[in-house]
Amino acid sequence: MSPQDDPITATLQADQEELHHLQRDHENVRQSSEYQKSLAYLRRTIEGLHKTFQVCEFAATRWPVYAERYLFPRHKDDIGEAAVAAQVAIENGALNSARRELRYMLEVAVNTAFVDEVASDGDVEARLAFFKGKGVKKQNVDHIRDLPLRMLADKREKFVDATRLAWVNSSNYVHLTKRRIDEKVKLRAEGIRLGFETAQMLAAVVQEVHDACSIVVVLAFETIGPNFTADILVTGGLDNDDAWPFQNNEFIAAIDSYFDYKHERQAGLEKHVTRRERRVSIGPYQLSDT
């Protein structure tokens, strides 16, 4: 029997030809401006997260207790590693693997910030002991409700809800949930295979990454406190840095507005408020144009 007459061989050849066709089409998708814009936004987000960690450490250099006792800065590398892993996964078409990294990021950030708040009088050993005990729910982000979130004002409850929702959404990709099964069936019905994500699918997961990283940034500022956050945003000028990718997040904007009373802002306050509101209103991708 010739290969042409063998139904198994013919089926495999047809499948291979279809795969090559999908690869060609997907390469066109990957080269599109919409797709490339999402990738650029993703990379800016991850770079911005690491930059935020760096400026927080620098701002707190005159507060040695931060480096000596606090758990949040001790775990920034874990958070940063998860963020980079999410980026690499997305760049290689593994969108759901990236979402699993987001859940880990949120759990680490929320729970270390919680320990630093509740056990603030203890040294690092006392904080670690508290974390290891039963007083910390380590596999969720419920402790977000227990943080004062001092700089969020009337956005506090919305931030709590957004953090819990981000964790719930990312948790759907840790186990084989009903939502995940339904989603997979729908994608297959639309002819979308693993690794052949659309530009819209990419934009959605990149926004999820940005939202999660923005939550982490809020918690980083909460941990170092209002005085050092003011040094970063106002004195250090991060509030005017258009390369910083979190300017369009409403919770970062709320923290920024907390410092509108500062003397350094009064001369140009009206212009600054207008710019801040515009950044939030235009949404993702557009900060370089503000």
Protein backbone atom coordinates (compact mmCIF):
# COMPACT_ATOMS: atom_id res chain seq x y z
CA MET A 1 0.00 0.00 0.00
CA SER A 2 1.43 3.38 -0.97
CA PRO A 3 1.55 6.26 1.53
CA GLN A 4 -1.19 7.95 -0.49
CA ASP A 5 -3.48 4.93 0.03
CA ASP A 6 -2.77 4.64 3.76
CA PRO A 7 -5.57 6.54 5.59
CA ILE A 8 -3.45 7.01 8.74
CA THR A 9 -0.57 8.50 6.76
CA ALA A 10 -2.94 10.67 4.77
CA THR A 11 -4.55 11.96 7.98
CA LEU A 12 -1.17 12.76 9.54
CA GLN A 13 -0.04 14.56 6.40
CA ALA A 14 -3.25 16.61 6.29
CA ASP A 15 -2.86 17.51 9.95
CA GLN A 16 0.75 18.56 9.35
CA GLU A 17 -0.28 20.74 6.42
CA GLU A 18 -2.98 22.36 8.55
CA LEU A 19 -0.44 22.99 11.30
CA HIS A 20 1.93 24.69 8.85
CA HIS A 21 -0.95 26.83 7.62
CA LEU A 22 -1.84 27.82 11.21
CA GLN A 23 1.79 28.67 11.92
CA ARG A 24 1.99 30.96 8.91
CA ASP A 25 -1.24 32.70 9.86
CA HIS A 26 -0.18 33.03 13.49
CA GLU A 27 3.15 34.55 12.51
CA ASN A 28 1.19 37.27 10.73
CA VAL A 29 -0.81 37.79 13.94
CA ARG A 30 2.39 38.00 15.97
CA GLN A 31 3.82 40.62 13.65
CA SER A 32 0.69 42.78 13.75
CA SER A 33 0.85 46.17 15.43
CA GLU A 34 -1.86 45.18 17.92
CA TYR A 35 0.06 42.09 19.04
CA GLN A 36 3.39 43.90 19.24
CA LYS A 37 1.84 46.74 21.22
CA SER A 38 0.61 44.24 23.83
CA LEU A 39 4.05 42.63 24.07
CA ALA A 40 5.66 46.05 24.54
CA TYR A 41 3.12 46.86 27.27
CA LEU A 42 3.87 43.54 28.97
CA ARG A 43 7.62 44.15 28.97
CA ARG A 44 7.19 47.69 30.26
CA THR A 45 4.99 46.37 33.07
CA ILE A 46 7.55 43.82 34.25
CA GLU A 47 10.39 46.33 33.99
CA GLY A 48 8.30 48.85 35.89
CA LEU A 49 7.62 46.39 38.69
CA HIS A 50 11.33 45.75 39.19
CA LYS A 51 12.05 49.48 39.03
CA THR A 52 9.44 50.09 41.74
CA PHE A 53 11.09 47.54 44.02
CA GLN A 54 14.43 49.25 43.46
CA VAL A 55 13.19 52.74 44.25
CA CYS A 56 11.39 51.47 47.36
CA GLU A 57 14.62 49.95 48.65
CA PHE A 58 16.54 53.12 47.84
CA ALA A 59 13.95 55.34 49.53
CA ALA A 60 14.08 53.20 52.66
CA THR A 61 17.88 53.17 53.00
CA ARG A 62 17.62 55.62 55.89
CA TRP A 63 15.19 53.24 57.60
CA PRO A 64 17.32 50.12 58.28
CA VAL A 65 14.44 48.31 59.99
CA TYR A 66 12.82 47.88 56.57
CA ALA A 67 15.66 45.73 55.24
CA GLU A 68 16.38 44.03 58.56
CA ARG A 69 12.90 43.00 59.67
CA TYR A 70 10.30 43.29 56.93
CA LEU A 71 9.20 40.21 54.99
CA PHE A 72 7.85 42.01 51.93
CA PRO A 73 11.23 43.25 50.66
CA ARG A 74 12.79 39.88 51.50
CA HIS A 75 10.34 38.25 49.10
CA LYS A 76 10.49 40.78 46.29
CA ASP A 77 12.75 38.43 44.33
CA ASP A 78 10.11 35.70 44.52
CA ILE A 79 7.49 38.13 43.24
CA GLY A 80 9.85 39.41 40.56
CA GLU A 81 10.74 35.88 39.48
CA ALA A 82 7.05 35.02 39.08
CA ALA A 83 6.53 38.18 37.03
CA VAL A 84 9.41 37.31 34.71
CA ALA A 85 8.14 33.73 34.42
CA ALA A 86 4.73 35.09 33.43
CA GLN A 87 6.34 37.27 30.78
CA VAL A 88 8.36 34.39 29.31
CA ALA A 89 5.30 32.13 29.31
CA ILE A 90 3.19 34.71 27.48
CA GLU A 91 5.89 35.41 24.93
CA ASN A 92 5.89 31.69 24.14
CA GLY A 93 2.12 31.27 23.94
CA ALA A 94 1.59 29.67 27.38
CA LEU A 95 -1.00 32.17 28.59
CA ASN A 96 -2.48 30.01 31.34
CA SER A 97 0.91 29.21 32.82
CA ALA A 98 1.36 32.96 33.18
CA ARG A 99 -1.92 33.24 35.05
CA ARG A 100 -0.75 30.66 37.56
CA GLU A 101 2.27 32.83 38.28
CA LEU A 102 -0.04 35.77 38.98
CA ARG A 103 -1.81 33.83 41.72
CA TYR A 104 1.54 33.14 43.40
CA MET A 105 2.58 36.79 43.13
CA LEU A 106 -0.62 37.97 44.77
CA GLU A 107 -0.42 35.44 47.60
CA VAL A 108 3.17 36.34 48.44
CA ALA A 109 2.59 40.10 48.26
CA VAL A 110 -0.62 40.15 50.29
CA ASN A 111 0.51 37.76 53.00
CA THR A 112 3.96 39.24 53.58
CA ALA A 113 2.42 42.72 53.71
CA PHE A 114 -0.11 41.39 56.23
CA VAL A 115 2.60 39.90 58.45
CA ASP A 116 4.61 43.12 58.31
CA GLU A 117 1.52 45.04 59.42
CA VAL A 118 0.29 42.74 62.19
CA ALA A 119 3.71 41.73 63.55
CA SER A 120 5.28 45.15 63.07
CA ASP A 121 6.82 45.15 66.56
CA GLY A 122 8.66 41.87 65.99
CA ASP A 123 12.03 41.17 64.47
CA VAL A 124 12.38 39.05 61.33
CA GLU A 125 12.40 35.78 63.31
CA ALA A 126 9.18 36.73 65.06
CA ARG A 127 7.58 37.65 61.75
CA LEU A 128 8.63 34.38 60.16
CA ALA A 129 7.25 32.46 63.13
CA PHE A 130 3.96 34.32 62.82
CA PHE A 131 3.83 33.60 59.09
CA LYS A 132 4.41 29.89 59.66
CA GLY A 133 1.67 29.73 62.28
CA LYS A 134 -2.06 29.29 61.86
CA GLY A 135 -2.75 33.00 61.99
CA VAL A 136 -1.91 33.45 58.31
CA LYS A 137 -4.08 32.03 55.53
CA LYS A 138 -1.24 31.34 53.15
CA GLN A 139 -3.11 30.02 50.12
CA ASN A 140 -5.46 32.90 49.47
CA VAL A 141 -5.49 36.69 49.70
CA ASP A 142 -8.22 37.12 52.32
CA HIS A 143 -5.83 39.12 54.51
CA ILE A 144 -6.13 42.00 52.06
CA ARG A 145 -9.19 42.94 54.14
CA ASP A 146 -7.00 43.27 57.24
CA LEU A 147 -4.59 45.83 55.82
CA PRO A 148 -5.19 49.51 56.59
CA LEU A 149 -4.38 50.60 53.00
CA ARG A 150 -3.88 54.08 54.36
CA MET A 151 -3.35 55.95 51.11
CA LEU A 152 -6.31 54.61 49.12
CA ALA A 153 -9.02 56.64 50.89
CA ASP A 154 -12.42 55.90 49.30
CA LYS A 155 -10.82 53.43 46.87
CA ARG A 156 -9.94 51.03 49.66
CA GLU A 157 -12.92 48.68 49.36
CA LYS A 158 -12.72 48.66 45.59
CA PHE A 159 -9.04 47.71 45.83
CA VAL A 160 -9.86 44.88 48.25
CA ASP A 161 -12.47 43.55 45.82
CA ALA A 162 -10.11 43.92 42.84
CA THR A 163 -7.36 42.01 44.64
CA ARG A 164 -9.66 39.14 45.57
CA LEU A 165 -11.10 39.02 42.05
CA ALA A 166 -7.62 38.94 40.48
CA TRP A 167 -6.72 36.03 42.76
CA VAL A 168 -9.95 34.15 41.97
CA ASN A 169 -9.46 34.62 38.23
CA SER A 170 -5.88 33.38 38.32
CA SER A 171 -6.86 30.47 40.59
CA ASN A 172 -9.12 29.13 37.84
CA TYR A 173 -5.96 28.10 36.00
CA VAL A 174 -4.32 26.26 38.89
CA HIS A 175 -6.84 23.40 38.88
CA LEU A 176 -9.04 21.99 36.12
CA THR A 177 -12.13 24.02 36.96
CA LYS A 178 -15.49 24.07 35.19
CA ARG A 179 -14.68 27.53 33.91
CA ARG A 180 -11.40 26.29 32.47
CA ILE A 181 -13.08 23.31 30.77
CA ASP A 182 -15.80 25.50 29.23
CA GLU A 183 -13.20 27.97 28.03
CA LYS A 184 -11.12 25.23 26.42
CA VAL A 185 -14.14 23.75 24.65
CA LYS A 186 -15.08 27.19 23.34
CA LEU A 187 -11.58 27.88 22.01
CA ARG A 188 -11.39 24.50 20.29
CA ALA A 189 -14.78 25.14 18.69
CA GLU A 190 -13.37 28.40 17.35
CA GLY A 191 -10.36 26.56 15.96
CA ILE A 192 -7.87 28.07 18.41
CA ARG A 193 -5.14 25.70 19.60
CA LEU A 194 -2.55 26.05 22.33
CA GLY A 195 0.15 28.44 21.18
CA PHE A 196 -2.05 30.10 18.55
CA GLU A 197 -3.55 32.84 20.69
CA THR A 198 -5.27 35.78 19.04
CA ALA A 199 -4.19 39.38 19.55
CA GLN A 200 -7.30 39.86 21.69
CA MET A 201 -6.36 36.91 23.92
CA LEU A 202 -2.88 38.33 24.33
CA ALA A 203 -4.21 41.78 25.22
CA ALA A 204 -6.50 40.26 27.86
CA VAL A 205 -3.77 38.31 29.66
CA VAL A 206 -1.34 41.23 29.47
CA GLN A 207 -3.94 43.42 31.17
CA GLU A 208 -4.30 40.76 33.88
CA VAL A 209 -0.53 40.90 34.41
CA HIS A 210 -0.63 44.68 34.61
CA ASP A 211 -3.50 44.60 37.11
CA ALA A 212 -1.68 42.07 39.31
CA CYS A 213 1.56 44.04 39.19
CA SER A 214 -0.34 47.23 40.05
CA ILE A 215 -1.76 45.49 43.13
CA VAL A 216 1.77 44.49 44.13
CA VAL A 217 2.96 48.09 43.70
CA VAL A 218 0.16 49.35 45.95
CA LEU A 219 1.23 46.82 48.59
CA ALA A 220 4.87 47.84 48.21
CA PHE A 221 3.89 51.45 48.92
CA GLU A 222 1.67 50.37 51.81
CA THR A 223 4.59 48.48 53.35
CA ILE A 224 7.07 51.34 53.23
CA GLY A 225 4.38 53.80 54.34
CA PRO A 226 3.21 57.28 53.33
CA ASN A 227 6.41 59.19 54.13
CA PHE A 228 8.65 57.10 51.90
CA THR A 229 5.96 56.80 49.23
CA ALA A 230 5.85 60.59 49.14
CA ASP A 231 9.62 60.62 48.68
CA ILE A 232 9.21 58.29 45.71
CA LEU A 233 6.24 59.89 43.99
CA VAL A 234 6.61 63.58 44.79
CA THR A 235 10.19 64.33 45.75
CA GLY A 236 11.63 61.61 43.53
CA GLY A 237 9.42 62.58 40.61
CA LEU A 238 8.03 59.14 39.79
CA ASP A 239 4.60 60.75 39.45
CA ASN A 240 5.87 62.55 36.33
CA ASP A 241 7.74 59.61 34.81
CA ASP A 242 5.82 58.54 31.72
CA ALA A 243 8.04 55.48 31.36
CA TRP A 244 6.61 54.14 34.64
CA PRO A 245 3.77 51.86 33.49
CA PHE A 246 1.42 52.14 36.46
CA GLN A 247 0.27 55.71 35.94
CA ASN A 248 -3.01 54.59 34.35
CA ASN A 249 -4.05 52.38 37.27
CA GLU A 250 -6.84 53.92 39.33
CA PHE A 251 -5.41 52.69 42.64
CA ILE A 252 -1.96 54.12 41.94
CA ALA A 253 -3.73 57.35 40.98
CA ALA A 254 -5.58 57.30 44.31
CA ILE A 255 -2.28 56.94 46.17
CA ASP A 256 -0.83 59.78 44.11
CA SER A 257 -3.80 62.00 44.99
CA TYR A 258 -3.15 61.33 48.69
CA PHE A 259 -0.15 63.65 48.36
CA ASP A 260 -1.87 66.57 46.66
CA TYR A 261 -1.54 68.49 49.93
CA LYS A 262 2.25 68.53 49.58
CA HIS A 263 3.82 71.95 49.26
CA GLU A 264 5.89 70.80 46.29
CA ARG A 265 2.74 70.24 44.26
CA GLN A 266 0.80 73.40 44.95
CA ALA A 267 2.17 75.55 42.14
CA GLY A 268 1.18 73.09 39.41
CA LEU A 269 -1.49 71.09 41.22
CA GLU A 270 -4.35 71.77 38.79
CA LYS A 271 -2.26 70.68 35.83
CA HIS A 272 -1.05 67.61 37.71
CA VAL A 273 -4.59 66.53 38.65
CA THR A 274 -5.78 66.94 35.07
CA ARG A 275 -2.88 64.87 33.79
CA ARG A 276 -3.49 62.17 36.39
CA GLU A 277 -7.18 61.91 35.51
CA ARG A 278 -6.35 61.73 31.82
CA ARG A 279 -3.86 58.92 32.38
CA VAL A 280 -6.52 56.81 34.10
CA SER A 281 -9.22 57.60 31.56
CA ILE A 282 -7.22 56.63 28.47
CA GLY A 283 -6.41 53.17 29.82
CA PRO A 284 -3.54 50.91 28.79
CA TYR A 285 -0.84 51.36 26.17
CA GLN A 286 -1.16 55.11 25.77
CA LEU A 287 0.97 56.55 28.58
CA SER A 288 3.82 57.52 26.29
CA ASP A 289 1.41 59.95 24.61
CA THR A 290 0.39 61.77 27.79
